PDB file of all heavy atoms in Angstrom:
ATOM      1  N   ILE A   1      -1.723   2.004   2.873  1.00  0.00           N
ATOM      2  CA  ILE A   1      -2.815   1.600   1.978  1.00  0.00           C
ATOM      3  C   ILE A   1      -3.354   0.230   2.393  1.00  0.00           C
ATOM      4  O   ILE A   1      -4.569   0.025   2.519  1.00  0.00           O
ATOM      5  CB  ILE A   1      -2.320   1.578   0.516  1.00  0.00           C
ATOM      6  CG1 ILE A   1      -2.104   3.013   0.014  1.00  0.00           C
ATOM      7  CG2 ILE A   1      -3.290   0.817  -0.390  1.00  0.00           C
ATOM      8  CD1 ILE A   1      -1.462   3.105  -1.356  1.00  0.00           C
ATOM      9  N   ARG A   2      -2.445  -0.718   2.630  1.00  0.00           N
ATOM     10  CA  ARG A   2      -2.867  -2.079   2.975  1.00  0.00           C
ATOM     11  C   ARG A   2      -3.655  -2.097   4.285  1.00  0.00           C
ATOM     12  O   ARG A   2      -4.694  -2.750   4.402  1.00  0.00           O
ATOM     13  CB  ARG A   2      -1.652  -2.999   3.071  1.00  0.00           C
ATOM     14  CG  ARG A   2      -2.026  -4.461   3.259  1.00  0.00           C
ATOM     15  CD  ARG A   2      -0.828  -5.346   3.484  1.00  0.00           C
ATOM     16  NE  ARG A   2      -0.177  -5.122   4.761  1.00  0.00           N
ATOM     17  CZ  ARG A   2      -0.665  -5.518   5.938  1.00  0.00           C
ATOM     18  NH1 ARG A   2      -1.821  -6.153   6.006  1.00  0.00           N
ATOM     19  NH2 ARG A   2       0.003  -5.285   7.041  1.00  0.00           N
ATOM     20  N   LYS A   3      -3.156  -1.365   5.282  1.00  0.00           N
ATOM     21  CA  LYS A   3      -3.819  -1.388   6.591  1.00  0.00           C
ATOM     22  C   LYS A   3      -5.170  -0.668   6.557  1.00  0.00           C
ATOM     23  O   LYS A   3      -6.087  -1.029   7.307  1.00  0.00           O
ATOM     24  CB  LYS A   3      -2.889  -0.806   7.649  1.00  0.00           C
ATOM     25  CG  LYS A   3      -1.751  -1.779   7.967  1.00  0.00           C
ATOM     26  CD  LYS A   3      -0.716  -1.203   8.912  1.00  0.00           C
ATOM     27  CE  LYS A   3       0.380  -2.229   9.166  1.00  0.00           C
ATOM     28  NZ  LYS A   3       1.487  -1.702   9.973  1.00  0.00           N
ATOM     29  N   ALA A   4      -5.307   0.328   5.694  1.00  0.00           N
ATOM     30  CA  ALA A   4      -6.613   0.974   5.525  1.00  0.00           C
ATOM     31  C   ALA A   4      -7.617  -0.015   4.946  1.00  0.00           C
ATOM     32  O   ALA A   4      -8.780  -0.071   5.381  1.00  0.00           O
ATOM     33  CB  ALA A   4      -6.480   2.197   4.615  1.00  0.00           C
ATOM     34  N   LEU A   5      -7.173  -0.827   3.989  1.00  0.00           N
ATOM     35  CA  LEU A   5      -8.047  -1.849   3.405  1.00  0.00           C
ATOM     36  C   LEU A   5      -8.388  -2.918   4.441  1.00  0.00           C
ATOM     37  O   LEU A   5      -9.534  -3.356   4.558  1.00  0.00           O
ATOM     38  CB  LEU A   5      -7.368  -2.491   2.191  1.00  0.00           C
ATOM     39  CG  LEU A   5      -7.128  -1.577   0.985  1.00  0.00           C
ATOM     40  CD1 LEU A   5      -6.252  -2.283  -0.044  1.00  0.00           C
ATOM     41  CD2 LEU A   5      -8.446  -1.136   0.347  1.00  0.00           C
ATOM     42  N   GLU A   6      -7.372  -3.327   5.212  1.00  0.00           N
ATOM     43  CA  GLU A   6      -7.595  -4.354   6.235  1.00  0.00           C
ATOM     44  C   GLU A   6      -8.593  -3.863   7.293  1.00  0.00           C
ATOM     45  O   GLU A   6      -9.505  -4.603   7.691  1.00  0.00           O
ATOM     46  CB  GLU A   6      -6.263  -4.705   6.912  1.00  0.00           C
ATOM     47  CG  GLU A   6      -6.397  -5.751   8.005  1.00  0.00           C
ATOM     48  CD  GLU A   6      -5.095  -5.986   8.760  1.00  0.00           C
ATOM     49  OE1 GLU A   6      -4.165  -5.156   8.640  1.00  0.00           O
ATOM     50  OE2 GLU A   6      -5.019  -6.996   9.479  1.00  0.00           O
ATOM     51  N   LYS A   7      -8.432  -2.624   7.714  1.00  0.00           N
ATOM     52  CA  LYS A   7      -9.320  -2.066   8.738  1.00  0.00           C
ATOM     53  C   LYS A   7     -10.761  -2.019   8.254  1.00  0.00           C
ATOM     54  O   LYS A   7     -11.695  -2.328   9.002  1.00  0.00           O
ATOM     55  CB  LYS A   7      -8.836  -0.655   9.116  1.00  0.00           C
ATOM     56  CG  LYS A   7      -9.626  -0.005  10.237  1.00  0.00           C
ATOM     57  CD  LYS A   7      -9.041   1.368  10.576  1.00  0.00           C
ATOM     58  CE  LYS A   7      -9.860   2.066  11.651  1.00  0.00           C
ATOM     59  NZ  LYS A   7      -9.321   3.431  11.933  1.00  0.00           N
ATOM     60  N   HIS A   8     -10.953  -1.667   6.983  1.00  0.00           N
ATOM     61  CA  HIS A   8     -12.311  -1.515   6.460  1.00  0.00           C
ATOM     62  C   HIS A   8     -12.948  -2.851   6.088  1.00  0.00           C
ATOM     63  O   HIS A   8     -14.129  -3.079   6.372  1.00  0.00           O
ATOM     64  CB  HIS A   8     -12.299  -0.588   5.239  1.00  0.00           C
ATOM     65  CG  HIS A   8     -13.673  -0.274   4.726  1.00  0.00           C
ATOM     66  ND1 HIS A   8     -14.453   0.722   5.264  1.00  0.00           N
ATOM     67  CD2 HIS A   8     -14.415  -0.846   3.740  1.00  0.00           C
ATOM     68  CE1 HIS A   8     -15.619   0.757   4.628  1.00  0.00           C
ATOM     69  NE2 HIS A   8     -15.616  -0.180   3.699  1.00  0.00           N
ATOM     70  N   TYR A   9     -12.170  -3.725   5.456  1.00  0.00           N
ATOM     71  CA  TYR A   9     -12.762  -4.952   4.901  1.00  0.00           C
ATOM     72  C   TYR A   9     -12.605  -6.168   5.805  1.00  0.00           C
ATOM     73  O   TYR A   9     -13.185  -7.218   5.519  1.00  0.00           O
ATOM     74  CB  TYR A   9     -12.170  -5.235   3.505  1.00  0.00           C
ATOM     75  CG  TYR A   9     -12.586  -4.190   2.503  1.00  0.00           C
ATOM     76  CD1 TYR A   9     -11.691  -3.222   2.064  1.00  0.00           C
ATOM     77  CD2 TYR A   9     -13.897  -4.130   2.040  1.00  0.00           C
ATOM     78  CE1 TYR A   9     -12.073  -2.239   1.167  1.00  0.00           C
ATOM     79  CE2 TYR A   9     -14.301  -3.149   1.151  1.00  0.00           C
ATOM     80  CZ  TYR A   9     -13.382  -2.204   0.718  1.00  0.00           C
ATOM     81  OH  TYR A   9     -13.778  -1.239  -0.160  1.00  0.00           O
ATOM     82  N   GLY A  10     -11.834  -6.038   6.900  1.00  0.00           N
ATOM     83  CA  GLY A  10     -11.750  -7.111   7.873  1.00  0.00           C
ATOM     84  C   GLY A  10     -11.294  -8.423   7.272  1.00  0.00           C
ATOM     85  O   GLY A  10     -10.222  -8.499   6.667  1.00  0.00           O
ATOM     86  N   ASP A  11     -12.135  -9.458   7.425  1.00  0.00           N
ATOM     87  CA  ASP A  11     -11.740 -10.789   6.967  1.00  0.00           C
ATOM     88  C   ASP A  11     -12.009 -11.027   5.486  1.00  0.00           C
ATOM     89  O   ASP A  11     -11.857 -12.155   5.000  1.00  0.00           O
ATOM     90  CB  ASP A  11     -12.413 -11.875   7.815  1.00  0.00           C
ATOM     91  CG  ASP A  11     -13.940 -11.827   7.733  1.00  0.00           C
ATOM     92  OD1 ASP A  11     -14.476 -10.961   7.005  1.00  0.00           O
ATOM     93  OD2 ASP A  11     -14.595 -12.654   8.389  1.00  0.00           O
ATOM     94  N   LYS A  12     -12.387  -9.983   4.744  1.00  0.00           N
ATOM     95  CA  LYS A  12     -12.537 -10.103   3.282  1.00  0.00           C
ATOM     96  C   LYS A  12     -11.221  -9.661   2.630  1.00  0.00           C
ATOM     97  O   LYS A  12     -10.908  -8.462   2.637  1.00  0.00           O
ATOM     98  CB  LYS A  12     -13.666  -9.207   2.770  1.00  0.00           C
ATOM     99  CG  LYS A  12     -15.041  -9.564   3.303  1.00  0.00           C
ATOM    100  CD  LYS A  12     -16.039  -8.543   2.771  1.00  0.00           C
ATOM    101  CE  LYS A  12     -17.430  -8.778   3.357  1.00  0.00           C
ATOM    102  NZ  LYS A  12     -18.341  -7.642   2.994  1.00  0.00           N
ATOM    103  N   PRO A  13     -10.434 -10.585   2.087  1.00  0.00           N
ATOM    104  CA  PRO A  13      -9.127 -10.199   1.530  1.00  0.00           C
ATOM    105  C   PRO A  13      -9.271  -9.367   0.248  1.00  0.00           C
ATOM    106  O   PRO A  13      -9.954  -9.772  -0.690  1.00  0.00           O
ATOM    107  CB  PRO A  13      -8.448 -11.545   1.227  1.00  0.00           C
ATOM    108  CG  PRO A  13      -9.274 -12.576   1.924  1.00  0.00           C
ATOM    109  CD  PRO A  13     -10.658 -12.037   1.993  1.00  0.00           C
ATOM    110  N   VAL A  14      -8.614  -8.209   0.250  1.00  0.00           N
ATOM    111  CA  VAL A  14      -8.560  -7.343  -0.932  1.00  0.00           C
ATOM    112  C   VAL A  14      -7.104  -7.271  -1.380  1.00  0.00           C
ATOM    113  O   VAL A  14      -6.213  -6.994  -0.573  1.00  0.00           O
ATOM    114  CB  VAL A  14      -9.089  -5.925  -0.609  1.00  0.00           C
ATOM    115  CG1 VAL A  14      -8.916  -4.998  -1.810  1.00  0.00           C
ATOM    116  CG2 VAL A  14     -10.548  -5.989  -0.181  1.00  0.00           C
ATOM    117  N   GLY A  15      -6.865  -7.532  -2.651  1.00  0.00           N
ATOM    118  CA  GLY A  15      -5.513  -7.454  -3.202  1.00  0.00           C
ATOM    119  C   GLY A  15      -5.408  -6.329  -4.209  1.00  0.00           C
ATOM    120  O   GLY A  15      -6.368  -6.045  -4.932  1.00  0.00           O
ATOM    121  N   MET A  16      -4.272  -5.669  -4.248  1.00  0.00           N
ATOM    122  CA  MET A  16      -4.069  -4.598  -5.227  1.00  0.00           C
ATOM    123  C   MET A  16      -2.632  -4.617  -5.723  1.00  0.00           C
ATOM    124  O   MET A  16      -1.712  -5.071  -5.051  1.00  0.00           O
ATOM    125  CB  MET A  16      -4.370  -3.216  -4.627  1.00  0.00           C
ATOM    126  CG  MET A  16      -5.819  -2.989  -4.308  1.00  0.00           C
ATOM    127  SD  MET A  16      -6.323  -1.243  -4.443  1.00  0.00           S
ATOM    128  CE  MET A  16      -5.171  -0.417  -3.392  1.00  0.00           C
ATOM    129  N   GLY A  17      -2.459  -4.086  -6.929  1.00  0.00           N
ATOM    130  CA  GLY A  17      -1.134  -3.890  -7.489  1.00  0.00           C
ATOM    131  C   GLY A  17      -1.163  -2.714  -8.419  1.00  0.00           C
ATOM    132  O   GLY A  17      -2.203  -2.076  -8.626  1.00  0.00           O
ATOM    133  N   GLY A  18      -0.010  -2.416  -8.995  1.00  0.00           N
ATOM    134  CA  GLY A  18       0.086  -1.288  -9.913  1.00  0.00           C
ATOM    135  C   GLY A  18       1.465  -0.685  -9.863  1.00  0.00           C
ATOM    136  O   GLY A  18       2.474  -1.393  -9.787  1.00  0.00           O
ATOM    137  N   THR A  19       1.512   0.636  -9.846  1.00  0.00           N
ATOM    138  CA  THR A  19       2.803   1.327  -9.820  1.00  0.00           C
ATOM    139  C   THR A  19       2.642   2.677  -9.141  1.00  0.00           C
ATOM    140  O   THR A  19       1.567   3.289  -9.194  1.00  0.00           O
ATOM    141  CB  THR A  19       3.357   1.507 -11.245  1.00  0.00           C
ATOM    142  OG1 THR A  19       4.648   2.127 -11.185  1.00  0.00           O
ATOM    143  CG2 THR A  19       2.446   2.354 -12.112  1.00  0.00           C
ATOM    144  N   PHE A  20       3.689   3.106  -8.448  1.00  0.00           N
ATOM    145  CA  PHE A  20       3.685   4.463  -7.916  1.00  0.00           C
ATOM    146  C   PHE A  20       5.065   5.068  -8.084  1.00  0.00           C
ATOM    147  O   PHE A  20       6.064   4.349  -8.215  1.00  0.00           O
ATOM    148  CB  PHE A  20       3.222   4.515  -6.449  1.00  0.00           C
ATOM    149  CG  PHE A  20       4.167   3.944  -5.430  1.00  0.00           C
ATOM    150  CD1 PHE A  20       5.159   4.719  -4.839  1.00  0.00           C
ATOM    151  CD2 PHE A  20       4.046   2.621  -5.015  1.00  0.00           C
ATOM    152  CE1 PHE A  20       6.017   4.202  -3.883  1.00  0.00           C
ATOM    153  CE2 PHE A  20       4.899   2.093  -4.042  1.00  0.00           C
ATOM    154  CZ  PHE A  20       5.888   2.880  -3.485  1.00  0.00           C
ATOM    155  N   VAL A  21       5.091   6.391  -8.100  1.00  0.00           N
ATOM    156  CA  VAL A  21       6.346   7.120  -8.195  1.00  0.00           C
ATOM    157  C   VAL A  21       6.546   7.900  -6.903  1.00  0.00           C
ATOM    158  O   VAL A  21       5.652   8.636  -6.472  1.00  0.00           O
ATOM    159  CB  VAL A  21       6.355   8.092  -9.400  1.00  0.00           C
ATOM    160  CG1 VAL A  21       7.712   8.800  -9.485  1.00  0.00           C
ATOM    161  CG2 VAL A  21       6.058   7.351 -10.688  1.00  0.00           C
ATOM    162  N   MET A  22       7.676   7.681  -6.266  1.00  0.00           N
ATOM    163  CA  MET A  22       8.083   8.579  -5.190  1.00  0.00           C
ATOM    164  C   MET A  22       8.742   9.752  -5.900  1.00  0.00           C
ATOM    165  O   MET A  22       9.854   9.642  -6.409  1.00  0.00           O
ATOM    166  CB  MET A  22       9.045   7.902  -4.215  1.00  0.00           C
ATOM    167  CG  MET A  22       9.182   8.668  -2.919  1.00  0.00           C
ATOM    168  SD  MET A  22      10.331   7.928  -1.747  1.00  0.00           S
ATOM    169  CE  MET A  22      11.780   8.898  -2.119  1.00  0.00           C
ATOM    170  N   GLN A  23       8.011  10.868  -5.983  1.00  0.00           N
ATOM    171  CA  GLN A  23       8.420  11.984  -6.839  1.00  0.00           C
ATOM    172  C   GLN A  23       9.458  12.896  -6.202  1.00  0.00           C
ATOM    173  O   GLN A  23      10.267  13.501  -6.902  1.00  0.00           O
ATOM    174  CB  GLN A  23       7.187  12.804  -7.231  1.00  0.00           C
ATOM    175  CG  GLN A  23       6.185  12.019  -8.063  1.00  0.00           C
ATOM    176  CD  GLN A  23       4.953  12.842  -8.359  1.00  0.00           C
ATOM    177  OE1 GLN A  23       4.280  13.341  -7.458  1.00  0.00           O
ATOM    178  NE2 GLN A  23       4.650  12.997  -9.632  1.00  0.00           N
ATOM    179  N   LYS A  24       9.403  13.007  -4.886  1.00  0.00           N
ATOM    180  CA  LYS A  24      10.363  13.863  -4.180  1.00  0.00           C
ATOM    181  C   LYS A  24      10.798  13.162  -2.904  1.00  0.00           C
ATOM    182  O   LYS A  24      10.049  12.377  -2.312  1.00  0.00           O
ATOM    183  CB  LYS A  24       9.732  15.218  -3.825  1.00  0.00           C
ATOM    184  CG  LYS A  24       9.465  16.112  -5.023  1.00  0.00           C
ATOM    185  CD  LYS A  24       8.940  17.469  -4.588  1.00  0.00           C
ATOM    186  CE  LYS A  24       8.673  18.357  -5.802  1.00  0.00           C
ATOM    187  NZ  LYS A  24       8.085  19.666  -5.402  1.00  0.00           N
ATOM    188  N   GLY A  25      12.011  13.470  -2.475  1.00  0.00           N
ATOM    189  CA  GLY A  25      12.516  12.938  -1.224  1.00  0.00           C
ATOM    190  C   GLY A  25      13.524  11.821  -1.416  1.00  0.00           C
ATOM    191  O   GLY A  25      14.035  11.575  -2.517  1.00  0.00           O
ATOM    192  N   LYS A  26      13.812  11.126  -0.328  1.00  0.00           N
ATOM    193  CA  LYS A  26      14.742   9.997  -0.331  1.00  0.00           C
ATOM    194  C   LYS A  26      14.093   8.812   0.368  1.00  0.00           C
ATOM    195  O   LYS A  26      13.154   8.984   1.155  1.00  0.00           O
ATOM    196  CB  LYS A  26      16.056  10.387   0.364  1.00  0.00           C
ATOM    197  CG  LYS A  26      16.842  11.453  -0.389  1.00  0.00           C
ATOM    198  CD  LYS A  26      18.115  11.821   0.348  1.00  0.00           C
ATOM    199  CE  LYS A  26      18.882  12.897  -0.440  1.00  0.00           C
ATOM    200  NZ  LYS A  26      20.103  13.325   0.284  1.00  0.00           N
ATOM    201  N   ALA A  27      14.605   7.607   0.083  1.00  0.00           N
ATOM    202  CA  ALA A  27      13.987   6.405   0.620  1.00  0.00           C
ATOM    203  C   ALA A  27      15.034   5.443   1.153  1.00  0.00           C
ATOM    204  O   ALA A  27      16.177   5.407   0.688  1.00  0.00           O
ATOM    205  CB  ALA A  27      13.156   5.711  -0.458  1.00  0.00           C
ATOM    206  N   LYS A  28      14.623   4.646   2.144  1.00  0.00           N
ATOM    207  CA  LYS A  28      15.443   3.542   2.661  1.00  0.00           C
ATOM    208  C   LYS A  28      15.194   2.332   1.772  1.00  0.00           C
ATOM    209  O   LYS A  28      14.054   1.857   1.664  1.00  0.00           O
ATOM    210  CB  LYS A  28      15.048   3.241   4.110  1.00  0.00           C
ATOM    211  CG  LYS A  28      15.805   2.073   4.730  1.00  0.00           C
ATOM    212  CD  LYS A  28      15.268   1.788   6.141  1.00  0.00           C
ATOM    213  CE  LYS A  28      15.966   0.603   6.780  1.00  0.00           C
ATOM    214  NZ  LYS A  28      15.396   0.296   8.121  1.00  0.00           N
ATOM    215  N   ILE A  29      16.257   1.848   1.137  1.00  0.00           N
ATOM    216  CA  ILE A  29      16.173   0.752   0.166  1.00  0.00           C
ATOM    217  C   ILE A  29      17.225  -0.294   0.530  1.00  0.00           C
ATOM    218  O   ILE A  29      18.338   0.060   0.927  1.00  0.00           O
ATOM    219  CB  ILE A  29      16.472   1.260  -1.268  1.00  0.00           C
ATOM    220  CG1 ILE A  29      15.591   2.464  -1.625  1.00  0.00           C
ATOM    221  CG2 ILE A  29      16.350   0.141  -2.290  1.00  0.00           C
ATOM    222  CD1 ILE A  29      14.154   2.176  -1.882  1.00  0.00           C
ATOM    223  N   HIS A  30      16.875  -1.573   0.387  1.00  0.00           N
ATOM    224  CA  HIS A  30      17.933  -2.564   0.551  1.00  0.00           C
ATOM    225  C   HIS A  30      18.225  -3.280  -0.765  1.00  0.00           C
ATOM    226  O   HIS A  30      17.374  -3.368  -1.646  1.00  0.00           O
ATOM    227  CB  HIS A  30      17.629  -3.565   1.682  1.00  0.00           C
ATOM    228  CG  HIS A  30      16.758  -4.727   1.312  1.00  0.00           C
ATOM    229  ND1 HIS A  30      15.597  -5.046   1.993  1.00  0.00           N
ATOM    230  CD2 HIS A  30      16.882  -5.700   0.364  1.00  0.00           C
ATOM    231  CE1 HIS A  30      15.059  -6.130   1.469  1.00  0.00           C
ATOM    232  NE2 HIS A  30      15.812  -6.551   0.474  1.00  0.00           N
TER     233      HIS A  30
END
């Protein structure tokens, strides 16, 4: 998501936040 924003908006900083659910699968967590 971040790199898609960076690629499109270039030197215009876009910030985002919120929440997401990893609904299925497993994740690498530290």
